[in-house]
Amino acid sequence: MRPIAERLRAAPPSGTGGSAARPLVSAGDVGLLLLRLTFGLFMAGHGAQKLFGIFGGHGLAVTGKAFAALGYHPGEVFAGVCGATEFLGGLGLALGLFTPLAAAGLIGVMINAMVTVTAAHGTWETSGGVEYNVSIAVVALALAAIGPGRLALDHPFRWGQGGWLAAAFALLLGGVGAAIVLSL
């Protein structure tokens, strides 16, 4: 295996006598890794707040009461499902593992948040609106569409390449999951 510095080195320009081979790791791959790690770990932390009461969160019992006040019964079960989806979906995106499924989970949770909490407050987050939830859903959908990049555990698998099918899967599954939860 070649040293990482050699793998990261950009290919020499064509016509200079060097190889015109594409580098194993591009700036785009590193950019996707940074996006996945930042976004995914923040989402996992957000879920951990609900599940475990860490990072300033209130934990499952208190979050369950808040969910019950929103009409989710039993509140603690729905809080657990939401927290687990955010936690596992965030970790999945951070690792680039089952990316379309991880994106679907986050999209579904954000649709629920928009319908039950933020839509009534308009667009902007400063008024409690949908801005933040829409942003999360769109980033998750974009990662499913683009794919997690070469620095991901999904990279060797067909679903790890992104594309229309992966994006449609994430959006459809997230939408159906949200619809099921909202109908309960």
C-alpha atoms as a PDB file:
ATOM      1  CA  MET A   1       0.000   0.000   0.000  1.00  0.00           C
ATOM      2  CA  ARG A   2       1.331   3.408  -0.958  1.00  0.00           C
ATOM      3  CA  PRO A   3       1.815   6.121   1.676  1.00  0.00           C
ATOM      4  CA  ILE A   4      -1.135   8.486   2.074  1.00  0.00           C
ATOM      5  CA  ALA A   5       0.860  11.496   0.832  1.00  0.00           C
ATOM      6  CA  GLU A   6       1.484   9.678  -2.445  1.00  0.00           C
ATOM      7  CA  ARG A   7      -2.203   8.732  -2.768  1.00  0.00           C
ATOM      8  CA  LEU A   8      -3.328  12.304  -2.100  1.00  0.00           C
ATOM      9  CA  ARG A   9      -0.882  13.830  -4.580  1.00  0.00           C
ATOM     10  CA  ALA A  10      -2.630  15.302  -7.606  1.00  0.00           C
ATOM     11  CA  ALA A  11      -1.893  13.792 -10.975  1.00  0.00           C
ATOM     12  CA  PRO A  12       0.566  15.801 -13.074  1.00  0.00           C
ATOM     13  CA  PRO A  13      -0.975  17.839 -15.896  1.00  0.00           C
ATOM     14  CA  SER A  14      -1.271  15.987 -19.156  1.00  0.00           C
ATOM     15  CA  GLY A  15       1.496  16.650 -21.664  1.00  0.00           C
ATOM     16  CA  THR A  16       4.207  16.874 -18.972  1.00  0.00           C
ATOM     17  CA  GLY A  17       5.427  13.344 -19.463  1.00  0.00           C
ATOM     18  CA  GLY A  18       3.823  12.156 -16.232  1.00  0.00           C
ATOM     19  CA  SER A  19       0.884   9.890 -15.743  1.00  0.00           C
ATOM     20  CA  ALA A  20      -2.517  11.508 -16.317  1.00  0.00           C
ATOM     21  CA  ALA A  21      -4.194   9.050 -13.950  1.00  0.00           C
ATOM     22  CA  ARG A  22      -6.814  10.440 -11.607  1.00  0.00           C
ATOM     23  CA  PRO A  23      -5.663  10.691  -7.981  1.00  0.00           C
ATOM     24  CA  LEU A  24      -7.098   8.096  -5.641  1.00  0.00           C
ATOM     25  CA  VAL A  25      -8.471  10.841  -3.392  1.00  0.00           C
ATOM     26  CA  SER A  26      -9.811  14.035  -4.914  1.00  0.00           C
ATOM     27  CA  ALA A  27     -10.702  17.338  -3.291  1.00  0.00           C
ATOM     28  CA  GLY A  28     -14.338  16.385  -3.909  1.00  0.00           C
ATOM     29  CA  ASP A  29     -13.909  13.160  -1.930  1.00  0.00           C
ATOM     30  CA  VAL A  30     -12.369  15.054   0.970  1.00  0.00           C
ATOM     31  CA  GLY A  31     -15.132  17.673   0.725  1.00  0.00           C
ATOM     32  CA  LEU A  32     -17.819  14.984   0.872  1.00  0.00           C
ATOM     33  CA  LEU A  33     -16.046  13.385   3.835  1.00  0.00           C
ATOM     34  CA  LEU A  34     -16.008  16.731   5.687  1.00  0.00           C
ATOM     35  CA  LEU A  35     -19.684  17.297   4.892  1.00  0.00           C
ATOM     36  CA  ARG A  36     -20.675  13.768   5.947  1.00  0.00           C
ATOM     37  CA  LEU A  37     -18.652  13.880   9.170  1.00  0.00           C
ATOM     38  CA  THR A  38     -19.868  17.322  10.229  1.00  0.00           C
ATOM     39  CA  PHE A  39     -23.501  16.839   9.295  1.00  0.00           C
ATOM     40  CA  GLY A  40     -23.671  13.188  10.342  1.00  0.00           C
ATOM     41  CA  LEU A  41     -22.015  13.631  13.718  1.00  0.00           C
ATOM     42  CA  PHE A  42     -24.164  16.655  14.553  1.00  0.00           C
ATOM     43  CA  MET A  43     -27.284  14.636  13.690  1.00  0.00           C
ATOM     44  CA  ALA A  44     -26.032  11.680  15.732  1.00  0.00           C
ATOM     45  CA  GLY A  45     -25.409  14.058  18.646  1.00  0.00           C
ATOM     46  CA  HIS A  46     -28.912  15.482  18.257  1.00  0.00           C
ATOM     47  CA  GLY A  47     -30.323  11.965  18.502  1.00  0.00           C
ATOM     48  CA  ALA A  48     -28.086  11.202  21.497  1.00  0.00           C
ATOM     49  CA  GLN A  49     -29.565  14.229  23.273  1.00  0.00           C
ATOM     50  CA  LYS A  50     -32.991  12.612  23.019  1.00  0.00           C
ATOM     51  CA  LEU A  51     -31.886   9.063  23.781  1.00  0.00           C
ATOM     52  CA  PHE A  52     -29.222   9.487  26.443  1.00  0.00           C
ATOM     53  CA  GLY A  53     -29.584  13.041  27.767  1.00  0.00           C
ATOM     54  CA  ILE A  54     -26.015  13.935  26.800  1.00  0.00           C
ATOM     55  CA  PHE A  55     -24.703  17.071  25.049  1.00  0.00           C
ATOM     56  CA  GLY A  56     -27.236  19.176  26.943  1.00  0.00           C
ATOM     57  CA  GLY A  57     -30.193  16.988  26.009  1.00  0.00           C
ATOM     58  CA  HIS A  58     -33.058  16.059  28.288  1.00  0.00           C
ATOM     59  CA  GLY A  59     -33.086  12.296  27.764  1.00  0.00           C
ATOM     60  CA  LEU A  60     -35.855   9.942  26.789  1.00  0.00           C
ATOM     61  CA  ALA A  61     -38.325  10.525  29.628  1.00  0.00           C
ATOM     62  CA  VAL A  62     -38.477  14.316  29.286  1.00  0.00           C
ATOM     63  CA  THR A  63     -38.339  14.186  25.478  1.00  0.00           C
ATOM     64  CA  GLY A  64     -41.127  11.608  25.575  1.00  0.00           C
ATOM     65  CA  LYS A  65     -43.347  14.044  27.468  1.00  0.00           C
ATOM     66  CA  ALA A  66     -42.678  16.700  24.833  1.00  0.00           C
ATOM     67  CA  PHE A  67     -43.574  14.224  22.079  1.00  0.00           C
ATOM     68  CA  ALA A  68     -46.786  13.308  23.898  1.00  0.00           C
ATOM     69  CA  ALA A  69     -47.689  17.012  24.073  1.00  0.00           C
ATOM     70  CA  LEU A  70     -47.301  17.114  20.274  1.00  0.00           C
ATOM     71  CA  GLY A  71     -49.794  14.254  19.908  1.00  0.00           C
ATOM     72  CA  TYR A  72     -47.414  11.296  19.611  1.00  0.00           C
ATOM     73  CA  HIS A  73     -48.678   8.512  21.885  1.00  0.00           C
ATOM     74  CA  PRO A  74     -46.939   6.863  23.626  1.00  0.00           C
ATOM     75  CA  GLY A  75     -44.584   9.816  23.645  1.00  0.00           C
ATOM     76  CA  GLU A  76     -41.564   7.987  24.993  1.00  0.00           C
ATOM     77  CA  VAL A  77     -41.757   5.344  22.250  1.00  0.00           C
ATOM     78  CA  PHE A  78     -41.950   7.967  19.509  1.00  0.00           C
ATOM     79  CA  ALA A  79     -39.141   9.976  21.138  1.00  0.00           C
ATOM     80  CA  GLY A  80     -37.047   6.803  21.165  1.00  0.00           C
ATOM     81  CA  VAL A  81     -37.775   6.080  17.507  1.00  0.00           C
ATOM     82  CA  CYS A  82     -36.964   9.675  16.555  1.00  0.00           C
ATOM     83  CA  GLY A  83     -33.776   9.745  18.641  1.00  0.00           C
ATOM     84  CA  ALA A  84     -32.612   6.371  17.313  1.00  0.00           C
ATOM     85  CA  THR A  85     -33.308   7.444  13.728  1.00  0.00           C
ATOM     86  CA  GLU A  86     -31.326  10.662  14.158  1.00  0.00           C
ATOM     87  CA  PHE A  87     -28.520   8.852  15.986  1.00  0.00           C
ATOM     88  CA  LEU A  88     -28.187   5.930  13.561  1.00  0.00           C
ATOM     89  CA  GLY A  89     -28.936   8.009  10.467  1.00  0.00           C
ATOM     90  CA  GLY A  90     -26.305  10.525  11.511  1.00  0.00           C
ATOM     91  CA  LEU A  91     -23.726   7.809  12.144  1.00  0.00           C
ATOM     92  CA  GLY A  92     -24.609   6.174   8.823  1.00  0.00           C
ATOM     93  CA  LEU A  93     -23.999   9.412   6.937  1.00  0.00           C
ATOM     94  CA  ALA A  94     -20.807  10.158   8.883  1.00  0.00           C
ATOM     95  CA  LEU A  95     -19.391   6.743   8.006  1.00  0.00           C
ATOM     96  CA  GLY A  96     -20.855   6.663   4.517  1.00  0.00           C
ATOM     97  CA  LEU A  97     -22.639   3.431   5.476  1.00  0.00           C
ATOM     98  CA  PHE A  98     -26.032   2.576   3.961  1.00  0.00           C
ATOM     99  CA  THR A  99     -26.156   6.198   2.821  1.00  0.00           C
ATOM    100  CA  PRO A 100     -29.582   6.151   1.085  1.00  0.00           C
ATOM    101  CA  LEU A 101     -31.172   4.449   4.111  1.00  0.00           C
ATOM    102  CA  ALA A 102     -29.528   6.868   6.563  1.00  0.00           C
ATOM    103  CA  ALA A 103     -30.715   9.792   4.422  1.00  0.00           C
ATOM    104  CA  ALA A 104     -34.253   8.348   4.303  1.00  0.00           C
ATOM    105  CA  GLY A 105     -34.403   8.187   8.094  1.00  0.00           C
ATOM    106  CA  LEU A 106     -33.361  11.809   8.494  1.00  0.00           C
ATOM    107  CA  ILE A 107     -35.728  12.968   5.763  1.00  0.00           C
ATOM    108  CA  GLY A 108     -38.628  11.176   7.463  1.00  0.00           C
ATOM    109  CA  VAL A 109     -37.860  12.681  10.871  1.00  0.00           C
ATOM    110  CA  MET A 110     -37.590  16.167   9.357  1.00  0.00           C
ATOM    111  CA  ILE A 111     -40.915  15.808   7.520  1.00  0.00           C
ATOM    112  CA  ASN A 112     -42.520  14.911  10.857  1.00  0.00           C
ATOM    113  CA  ALA A 113     -40.869  17.890  12.551  1.00  0.00           C
ATOM    114  CA  MET A 114     -42.101  20.218   9.813  1.00  0.00           C
ATOM    115  CA  VAL A 115     -45.677  18.931   9.901  1.00  0.00           C
ATOM    116  CA  THR A 116     -46.086  18.798  13.675  1.00  0.00           C
ATOM    117  CA  VAL A 117     -43.947  21.699  14.884  1.00  0.00           C
ATOM    118  CA  THR A 118     -42.347  24.140  12.493  1.00  0.00           C
ATOM    119  CA  ALA A 119     -44.685  24.583   9.488  1.00  0.00           C
ATOM    120  CA  ALA A 120     -47.160  26.603  11.552  1.00  0.00           C
ATOM    121  CA  HIS A 121     -44.416  29.155  12.252  1.00  0.00           C
ATOM    122  CA  GLY A 122     -43.518  30.013   8.661  1.00  0.00           C
ATOM    123  CA  THR A 123     -40.181  29.816   6.944  1.00  0.00           C
ATOM    124  CA  TRP A 124     -37.453  31.221   9.164  1.00  0.00           C
ATOM    125  CA  GLU A 125     -35.965  29.453  12.167  1.00  0.00           C
ATOM    126  CA  THR A 126     -35.892  32.706  14.131  1.00  0.00           C
ATOM    127  CA  SER A 127     -39.701  32.437  14.254  1.00  0.00           C
ATOM    128  CA  GLY A 128     -39.626  28.673  14.831  1.00  0.00           C
ATOM    129  CA  GLY A 129     -40.188  27.977  11.119  1.00  0.00           C
ATOM    130  CA  VAL A 130     -39.131  25.204   8.742  1.00  0.00           C
ATOM    131  CA  GLU A 131     -35.765  26.619   7.615  1.00  0.00           C
ATOM    132  CA  TYR A 132     -33.633  24.274   9.752  1.00  0.00           C
ATOM    133  CA  ASN A 133     -35.702  21.150   9.050  1.00  0.00           C
ATOM    134  CA  VAL A 134     -35.780  21.773   5.300  1.00  0.00           C
ATOM    135  CA  SER A 135     -32.001  22.290   5.309  1.00  0.00           C
ATOM    136  CA  ILE A 136     -31.396  18.982   7.077  1.00  0.00           C
ATOM    137  CA  ALA A 137     -33.722  17.097   4.725  1.00  0.00           C
ATOM    138  CA  VAL A 138     -32.131  18.650   1.630  1.00  0.00           C
ATOM    139  CA  VAL A 139     -28.557  17.910   2.759  1.00  0.00           C
ATOM    140  CA  ALA A 140     -29.533  14.283   3.474  1.00  0.00           C
ATOM    141  CA  LEU A 141     -31.231  13.981   0.065  1.00  0.00           C
ATOM    142  CA  ALA A 142     -28.250  15.586  -1.681  1.00  0.00           C
ATOM    143  CA  LEU A 143     -25.846  13.131  -0.035  1.00  0.00           C
ATOM    144  CA  ALA A 144     -28.012  10.234  -1.246  1.00  0.00           C
ATOM    145  CA  ALA A 145     -28.050  11.717  -4.771  1.00  0.00           C
ATOM    146  CA  ILE A 146     -24.338  12.543  -4.956  1.00  0.00           C
ATOM    147  CA  GLY A 147     -23.206   9.455  -3.080  1.00  0.00           C
ATOM    148  CA  PRO A 148     -20.871   9.390  -0.092  1.00  0.00           C
ATOM    149  CA  GLY A 149     -17.649   9.582  -2.131  1.00  0.00           C
ATOM    150  CA  ARG A 150     -14.649   7.286  -2.245  1.00  0.00           C
ATOM    151  CA  LEU A 151     -13.806   7.789   1.448  1.00  0.00           C
ATOM    152  CA  ALA A 152     -16.907   5.917   2.608  1.00  0.00           C
ATOM    153  CA  LEU A 153     -17.729   2.409   3.699  1.00  0.00           C
ATOM    154  CA  ASP A 154     -20.429   2.287   0.985  1.00  0.00           C
ATOM    155  CA  HIS A 155     -17.997   3.050  -1.831  1.00  0.00           C
ATOM    156  CA  PRO A 156     -17.567  -0.557  -3.061  1.00  0.00           C
ATOM    157  CA  PHE A 157     -21.330  -1.161  -3.183  1.00  0.00           C
ATOM    158  CA  ARG A 158     -23.832  -0.199  -5.865  1.00  0.00           C
ATOM    159  CA  TRP A 159     -25.933   1.933  -3.497  1.00  0.00           C
ATOM    160  CA  GLY A 160     -22.786   3.835  -2.496  1.00  0.00           C
ATOM    161  CA  GLN A 161     -22.496   5.504  -5.879  1.00  0.00           C
ATOM    162  CA  GLY A 162     -25.437   7.866  -5.494  1.00  0.00           C
ATOM    163  CA  GLY A 163     -27.645   8.680  -8.452  1.00  0.00           C
ATOM    164  CA  TRP A 164     -31.321   9.104  -9.199  1.00  0.00           C
ATOM    165  CA  LEU A 165     -32.283   5.701  -7.804  1.00  0.00           C
ATOM    166  CA  ALA A 166     -30.558   6.295  -4.456  1.00  0.00           C
ATOM    167  CA  ALA A 167     -32.111   9.767  -4.173  1.00  0.00           C
ATOM    168  CA  ALA A 168     -35.586   8.466  -5.107  1.00  0.00           C
ATOM    169  CA  PHE A 169     -35.226   5.630  -2.583  1.00  0.00           C
ATOM    170  CA  ALA A 170     -34.261   8.070   0.202  1.00  0.00           C
ATOM    171  CA  LEU A 171     -37.052  10.517  -0.597  1.00  0.00           C
ATOM    172  CA  LEU A 172     -39.731   7.859  -1.089  1.00  0.00           C
ATOM    173  CA  LEU A 173     -38.819   5.831   2.000  1.00  0.00           C
ATOM    174  CA  GLY A 174     -38.489   8.971   4.129  1.00  0.00           C
ATOM    175  CA  GLY A 175     -41.854  10.239   2.888  1.00  0.00           C
ATOM    176  CA  VAL A 176     -43.623   6.920   3.407  1.00  0.00           C
ATOM    177  CA  GLY A 177     -42.110   6.534   6.873  1.00  0.00           C
ATOM    178  CA  ALA A 178     -43.215  10.038   7.816  1.00  0.00           C
ATOM    179  CA  ALA A 179     -46.710   9.405   6.466  1.00  0.00           C
ATOM    180  CA  ILE A 180     -47.019   6.206   8.499  1.00  0.00           C
ATOM    181  CA  VAL A 181     -45.893   7.911  11.716  1.00  0.00           C
ATOM    182  CA  LEU A 182     -48.153  10.907  11.117  1.00  0.00           C
ATOM    183  CA  SER A 183     -51.135   8.627  10.534  1.00  0.00           C
ATOM    184  CA  LEU A 184     -50.741   6.837  13.873  1.00  0.00           C
END
